[in-house]
Protein backbone atom coordinates (compact mmCIF):
# COMPACT_ATOMS: atom_id res chain seq x y z
CA UNK A 1 42.48 -9.67 -129.54
CA UNK A 2 42.22 -11.36 -126.14
CA UNK A 3 43.61 -8.27 -124.41
CA UNK A 4 41.08 -6.02 -126.20
CA UNK A 5 38.25 -8.33 -125.15
CA UNK A 6 39.42 -8.33 -121.53
CA UNK A 7 39.77 -4.53 -121.49
CA UNK A 8 36.25 -3.95 -122.86
CA UNK A 9 34.73 -6.47 -120.46
CA UNK A 10 36.54 -5.01 -117.45
CA UNK A 11 35.24 -1.50 -118.14
CA UNK A 12 31.71 -2.77 -118.76
CA UNK A 13 31.36 -5.33 -115.95
CA UNK A 14 34.16 -5.75 -113.41
CA UNK A 15 34.52 -1.98 -112.89
CA UNK A 16 30.75 -1.40 -112.61
CA UNK A 17 29.56 -4.40 -110.54
CA UNK A 18 31.88 -3.53 -107.62
CA UNK A 19 31.17 0.20 -107.48
CA UNK A 20 29.70 1.93 -104.44
CA UNK A 21 26.87 4.23 -105.49
CA UNK A 22 26.45 7.85 -104.41
CA UNK A 23 23.15 9.54 -105.13
CA UNK A 24 22.41 13.04 -103.94
CA UNK A 25 21.19 16.10 -105.75
CA UNK A 26 23.77 18.21 -103.88
CA UNK A 27 26.75 15.91 -104.51
CA UNK A 28 29.24 16.43 -107.32
CA UNK A 29 31.11 13.29 -108.41
CA UNK A 30 34.82 13.50 -109.14
CA UNK A 31 36.39 12.04 -112.29
CA UNK A 32 38.62 9.00 -111.76
CA UNK A 33 41.93 7.54 -112.96
CA UNK A 34 42.42 3.75 -112.91
CA UNK A 35 45.73 1.87 -113.17
CA UNK A 36 45.66 -1.95 -113.21
CA UNK A 37 49.02 -3.75 -113.66
CA UNK A 38 48.47 -7.41 -114.61
CA UNK A 39 50.77 -10.43 -114.93
CA UNK A 40 49.67 -13.56 -116.82
CA UNK A 41 51.50 -16.87 -117.22
CA UNK A 42 50.21 -19.58 -119.57
CA UNK A 43 51.28 -23.09 -120.54
CA UNK A 44 50.29 -24.18 -124.08
CA UNK A 45 51.45 -27.55 -125.47
CA UNK A 46 54.56 -27.58 -123.25
CA UNK A 47 55.40 -24.02 -124.27
CA UNK A 48 55.19 -21.15 -121.83
CA UNK A 49 54.24 -17.52 -122.28
CA UNK A 50 54.31 -14.55 -119.95
CA UNK A 51 52.63 -11.20 -120.43
CA UNK A 52 52.64 -7.93 -118.54
CA UNK A 53 49.85 -5.41 -119.04
CA UNK A 54 49.35 -1.86 -117.82
CA UNK A 55 45.79 -0.71 -118.54
CA UNK A 56 45.32 2.98 -117.77
CA UNK A 57 41.95 4.72 -117.99
CA UNK A 58 40.40 8.10 -117.24
CA UNK A 59 36.66 8.37 -116.57
CA UNK A 60 34.43 11.43 -116.73
CA UNK A 61 31.75 10.77 -114.09
CA UNK A 62 28.26 12.29 -114.18
CA UNK A 63 27.20 14.42 -111.21
CA UNK A 64 23.68 13.01 -111.42
CA UNK A 65 24.75 9.34 -111.21
CA UNK A 66 28.21 7.95 -110.37
CA UNK A 67 27.43 4.90 -112.55
CA UNK A 68 27.09 7.07 -115.69
CA UNK A 69 30.54 7.71 -117.06
CA UNK A 70 32.56 8.13 -120.25
CA UNK A 71 35.95 6.40 -120.15
CA UNK A 72 39.10 6.61 -122.23
CA UNK A 73 41.50 3.68 -121.86
CA UNK A 74 45.11 3.14 -122.91
CA UNK A 75 46.09 -0.54 -122.44
CA UNK A 76 49.80 -1.31 -122.89
CA UNK A 77 51.21 -4.85 -122.91
CA UNK A 78 54.40 -6.85 -123.32
CA UNK A 79 54.35 -10.59 -124.09
CA UNK A 80 57.11 -13.19 -124.27
CA UNK A 81 56.63 -16.64 -125.84
CA UNK A 82 59.63 -18.99 -125.84
CA UNK A 83 62.05 -16.08 -126.08
CA UNK A 84 60.10 -14.12 -128.73
CA UNK A 85 58.71 -10.79 -127.54
CA UNK A 86 55.78 -8.71 -128.76
CA UNK A 87 54.22 -5.41 -127.78
CA UNK A 88 50.79 -3.87 -128.10
CA UNK A 89 49.25 -0.46 -127.52
CA UNK A 90 45.52 0.20 -127.50
CA UNK A 91 43.05 3.06 -127.35
CA UNK A 92 39.51 2.50 -126.17
CA UNK A 93 36.33 4.48 -125.54
CA UNK A 94 33.35 3.33 -123.50
CA UNK A 95 30.16 4.86 -122.13
CA UNK A 96 28.37 3.31 -119.14
CA UNK A 97 24.65 3.98 -119.18
CA UNK A 98 22.60 2.99 -116.08
CA UNK A 99 19.20 1.60 -117.06
CA UNK A 100 18.14 1.45 -113.40
CA UNK A 101 19.81 1.02 -109.99
CA UNK A 102 20.74 -2.60 -110.81
CA UNK A 103 21.42 -2.65 -114.56
CA UNK A 104 24.20 -0.88 -116.50
CA UNK A 105 24.85 -1.17 -120.25
CA UNK A 106 28.26 -0.18 -121.67
CA UNK A 107 29.01 0.11 -125.41
CA UNK A 108 32.70 0.38 -126.31
CA UNK A 109 35.04 1.01 -129.25
CA UNK A 110 38.71 -0.02 -129.34
CA UNK A 111 41.79 0.16 -131.57
CA UNK A 112 45.01 -1.80 -130.99
CA UNK A 113 48.34 -1.98 -132.78
CA UNK A 114 50.61 -4.94 -132.02
CA UNK A 115 54.04 -5.91 -133.29
CA UNK A 116 57.02 -8.19 -132.79
CA UNK A 117 60.51 -7.69 -134.18
CA UNK A 118 61.36 -11.31 -133.30
CA UNK A 119 58.41 -12.62 -135.31
CA UNK A 120 58.62 -9.90 -138.01
CA UNK A 121 54.92 -9.05 -137.60
CA UNK A 122 52.87 -5.89 -137.26
CA UNK A 123 49.08 -5.71 -137.19
CA UNK A 124 46.14 -3.49 -136.36
CA UNK A 125 42.88 -4.50 -134.69
CA UNK A 126 39.55 -2.73 -134.40
CA UNK A 127 36.71 -3.73 -132.10
CA UNK A 128 33.26 -2.81 -130.87
CA UNK A 129 31.29 -4.36 -128.04
CA UNK A 130 28.27 -4.02 -125.76
CA UNK A 131 28.41 -5.23 -122.14
CA UNK A 132 25.49 -5.69 -119.77
CA UNK A 133 26.07 -5.66 -116.00
CA UNK A 134 23.22 -6.60 -113.67
CA UNK A 135 23.62 -6.70 -109.87
CA UNK A 136 21.14 -8.30 -107.50
CA UNK A 137 21.38 -7.03 -103.93
CA UNK A 138 21.11 -9.66 -101.19
CA UNK A 139 20.68 -9.15 -97.42
CA UNK A 140 23.69 -8.18 -95.28
CA UNK A 141 25.50 -6.45 -98.16
CA UNK A 142 25.91 -9.57 -100.28
CA UNK A 143 25.58 -9.19 -104.06
CA UNK A 144 25.35 -11.42 -107.10
CA UNK A 145 26.30 -9.82 -110.42
CA UNK A 146 25.92 -11.12 -113.96
CA UNK A 147 27.97 -9.78 -116.86
CA UNK A 148 27.29 -10.49 -120.54
CA UNK A 149 29.29 -9.09 -123.45
CA UNK A 150 29.13 -9.53 -127.20
CA UNK A 151 31.90 -8.00 -129.27
CA UNK A 152 33.07 -7.85 -132.87
CA UNK A 153 36.84 -7.70 -133.49
CA UNK A 154 38.67 -7.66 -136.80
CA UNK A 155 42.19 -7.08 -138.06
CA UNK A 156 42.74 -4.00 -140.23
CA UNK A 157 44.91 -3.66 -143.30
CA UNK A 158 48.37 -2.33 -142.55
CA UNK A 159 50.13 -0.18 -145.15
CA UNK A 160 53.87 0.33 -145.49
CA UNK A 161 54.68 2.19 -148.69
CA UNK A 162 53.45 0.06 -151.58
CA UNK A 163 53.03 -2.95 -149.31
CA UNK A 164 49.73 -3.82 -147.63
CA UNK A 165 48.95 -6.73 -145.35
CA UNK A 166 45.88 -7.95 -143.45
CA UNK A 167 45.92 -11.24 -141.47
CA UNK A 168 42.19 -11.50 -142.21
CA UNK A 169 41.09 -12.45 -138.68
CA UNK A 170 37.51 -11.55 -137.76
CA UNK A 171 35.71 -12.87 -134.69
CA UNK A 172 32.50 -12.36 -132.78
CA UNK A 173 33.26 -12.87 -129.11
CA UNK A 174 30.92 -13.78 -126.25
CA UNK A 175 32.10 -13.26 -122.66
CA UNK A 176 29.82 -14.13 -119.75
CA UNK A 177 30.42 -14.01 -116.01
CA UNK A 178 28.89 -14.54 -112.59
CA UNK A 179 30.33 -12.80 -109.53
CA UNK A 180 29.53 -13.05 -105.83
CA UNK A 181 30.50 -10.02 -103.73
CA UNK A 182 30.54 -9.42 -100.00
CA UNK A 183 31.24 -6.25 -98.03
CA UNK A 184 32.98 -7.03 -94.74
CA UNK A 185 31.99 -3.89 -92.84
CA UNK A 186 31.00 -6.00 -89.84
CA UNK A 187 34.63 -7.16 -89.64
CA UNK A 188 36.77 -4.57 -91.46
CA UNK A 189 35.34 -1.32 -92.85
CA UNK A 190 35.38 -0.65 -96.62
CA UNK A 191 36.73 -4.08 -97.57
CA UNK A 192 35.00 -6.22 -100.20
CA UNK A 193 35.59 -9.76 -101.46
CA UNK A 194 34.66 -10.83 -105.01
CA UNK A 195 34.55 -14.41 -106.32
CA UNK A 196 33.88 -14.85 -110.03
CA UNK A 197 33.75 -17.24 -112.98
CA UNK A 198 34.13 -16.05 -116.59
CA UNK A 199 33.68 -17.92 -119.87
CA UNK A 200 34.98 -16.53 -123.17
CA UNK A 201 33.94 -17.96 -126.55
CA UNK A 202 35.25 -16.91 -130.00
CA UNK A 203 33.30 -17.54 -133.21
CA UNK A 204 34.30 -16.65 -136.78
CA UNK A 205 37.87 -17.13 -137.95
CA UNK A 206 39.22 -20.45 -136.69
CA UNK A 207 41.68 -19.94 -133.84
CA UNK A 208 44.04 -22.29 -132.06
CA UNK A 209 42.03 -21.82 -128.86
CA UNK A 210 38.47 -20.52 -129.24
CA UNK A 211 37.15 -20.97 -125.69
CA UNK A 212 38.52 -20.69 -122.15
CA UNK A 213 37.36 -20.25 -118.56
CA UNK A 214 38.63 -18.07 -115.75
CA UNK A 215 38.00 -18.61 -112.04
CA UNK A 216 39.20 -16.01 -109.57
CA UNK A 217 38.78 -13.86 -106.52
CA UNK A 218 39.87 -10.42 -105.39
CA UNK A 219 40.12 -8.40 -102.21
CA UNK A 220 39.46 -4.70 -102.42
CA UNK A 221 39.39 -1.53 -100.37
CA UNK A 222 36.72 0.77 -101.76
CA UNK A 223 35.43 4.00 -100.33
CA UNK A 224 33.71 7.13 -101.52
CA UNK A 225 34.90 10.17 -99.59
CA UNK A 226 32.64 13.21 -99.27
CA UNK A 227 34.06 16.72 -99.04
CA UNK A 228 31.73 19.49 -97.90
CA UNK A 229 32.05 22.41 -100.33
CA UNK A 230 29.21 24.50 -98.93
CA UNK A 231 25.95 24.13 -97.05
CA UNK A 232 24.23 22.98 -100.24
CA UNK A 233 27.04 21.32 -102.18
CA UNK A 234 29.20 18.23 -101.62
CA UNK A 235 32.05 16.69 -103.62
CA UNK A 236 32.45 12.88 -103.82
CA UNK A 237 35.64 11.16 -104.89
CA UNK A 238 36.26 7.43 -105.10
CA UNK A 239 39.23 5.38 -103.92
CA UNK A 240 39.62 1.72 -104.84
CA UNK A 241 42.55 -0.58 -104.14
CA UNK A 242 42.24 -4.18 -105.31
CA UNK A 243 44.38 -7.32 -105.54
CA UNK A 244 43.19 -10.34 -107.51
CA UNK A 245 44.25 -13.84 -108.52
CA UNK A 246 42.62 -16.07 -111.14
CA UNK A 247 43.16 -19.45 -112.80
CA UNK A 248 42.66 -19.80 -116.56
CA UNK A 249 41.91 -23.14 -118.15
CA UNK A 250 40.80 -24.66 -121.45
CA UNK A 251 41.31 -27.83 -123.46
CA UNK A 252 44.62 -26.48 -124.78
CA UNK A 253 46.04 -24.18 -122.14
CA UNK A 254 46.20 -23.37 -118.45
CA UNK A 255 47.70 -20.59 -116.42
CA UNK A 256 47.35 -17.93 -113.77
CA UNK A 257 46.72 -14.19 -113.75
CA UNK A 258 47.63 -11.75 -110.99
CA UNK A 259 46.28 -8.21 -111.09
CA UNK A 260 46.50 -5.10 -108.98
CA UNK A 261 44.11 -2.19 -109.41
CA UNK A 262 44.11 1.38 -108.07
CA UNK A 263 41.41 3.94 -108.77
CA UNK A 264 41.52 7.49 -107.48
């Protein structure tokens, strides 16, 4: 569930608040592919866990507005807890709708199947969410962005012949963030720095850990290249390269997350 929440929030906030905008009636915007390998290490009650994720997404970008896009995501993950391993595979759909130049709203749907031979478990999860991303432009290319998401996630009954099983976990999740961004064009062209704080809160089915915070930063190279197709038509394609590090903490766990992102 946590990985589904992170995936929906990333597509609705972290991927939209750091985007460079291109607006021209004669410019066509290219579709994009994003790959974001992530490593997470957590300590919970003297037990350690490690997870590796490979979220992959493809976005169909509108020619009228680069912030309007329809995305299909395929998050894949592997987790190890005290020698026991589990795997998950997801499928997600999201649509980013710009309300104005500063505000983007992104509804999303997701489906995930997760299993572990070591723990003899297999489960399905469905989710839906809405994320709001608002960016306030400051002088000298500084920005403050606010992200707010509410999502509903529930396990689904799994059938195997005459056998059916549902863990019966249903949660409404709130994820809120503040991010400060700075473009360093006066020092190095096309480099941006993001510093952020994220709080995640689960309500509904009682969980072992229902709230945690994440504090992190990232460095990114981001550029929109323009190809001249004709005297009246241009083609824009986006390149992003980002490396990030964050610290996760709560009353019951702590850990780090390292992520690398490439969009082309």
